[in-house]
Amino acid sequence: MNTNRLSNTLSDGLNAQVTKEAAAAQTY
């Protein structure tokens, strides 16, 4: 298993979630 790839995938997912939350916050 490529743990580095897994880590990058998790990081990308987290960044996407943060971005989505920030975008949602901007609408208020």
C-alpha atoms as a PDB file:
ATOM      1  CA  MET A   1       0.000   0.000   0.000  1.00  0.00           C
ATOM      2  CA  ASN A   2       1.281   3.440  -0.884  1.00  0.00           C
ATOM      3  CA  THR A   3       0.803   5.351   2.363  1.00  0.00           C
ATOM      4  CA  ASN A   4       2.016   8.571   0.776  1.00  0.00           C
ATOM      5  CA  ARG A   5      -0.732   8.384  -1.842  1.00  0.00           C
ATOM      6  CA  LEU A   6      -3.292   7.620   0.869  1.00  0.00           C
ATOM      7  CA  SER A   7      -2.074  10.587   2.885  1.00  0.00           C
ATOM      8  CA  ASN A   8      -2.335  12.855  -0.148  1.00  0.00           C
ATOM      9  CA  THR A   9      -5.856  11.611  -0.846  1.00  0.00           C
ATOM     10  CA  LEU A  10      -6.920  12.314   2.722  1.00  0.00           C
ATOM     11  CA  SER A  11      -5.256  15.721   2.613  1.00  0.00           C
ATOM     12  CA  ASP A  12      -7.008  16.586  -0.651  1.00  0.00           C
ATOM     13  CA  GLY A  13     -10.323  15.481   0.816  1.00  0.00           C
ATOM     14  CA  LEU A  14      -9.783  17.583   3.915  1.00  0.00           C
ATOM     15  CA  ASN A  15      -8.777  20.624   1.860  1.00  0.00           C
ATOM     16  CA  ALA A  16     -11.871  20.202  -0.302  1.00  0.00           C
ATOM     17  CA  GLN A  17     -14.075  20.024   2.799  1.00  0.00           C
ATOM     18  CA  VAL A  18     -12.468  23.141   4.286  1.00  0.00           C
ATOM     19  CA  THR A  19     -12.882  24.974   0.979  1.00  0.00           C
ATOM     20  CA  LYS A  20     -16.532  23.924   0.776  1.00  0.00           C
ATOM     21  CA  GLU A  21     -17.155  25.058   4.365  1.00  0.00           C
ATOM     22  CA  ALA A  22     -15.439  28.382   3.700  1.00  0.00           C
ATOM     23  CA  ALA A  23     -17.491  28.898   0.542  1.00  0.00           C
ATOM     24  CA  ALA A  24     -20.674  28.107   2.456  1.00  0.00           C
ATOM     25  CA  ALA A  25     -19.706  30.579   5.175  1.00  0.00           C
ATOM     26  CA  GLN A  26     -19.273  33.305   2.550  1.00  0.00           C
ATOM     27  CA  THR A  27     -22.931  32.983   1.598  1.00  0.00           C
ATOM     28  CA  TYR A  28     -24.127  34.122   5.019  1.00  0.00           C
END
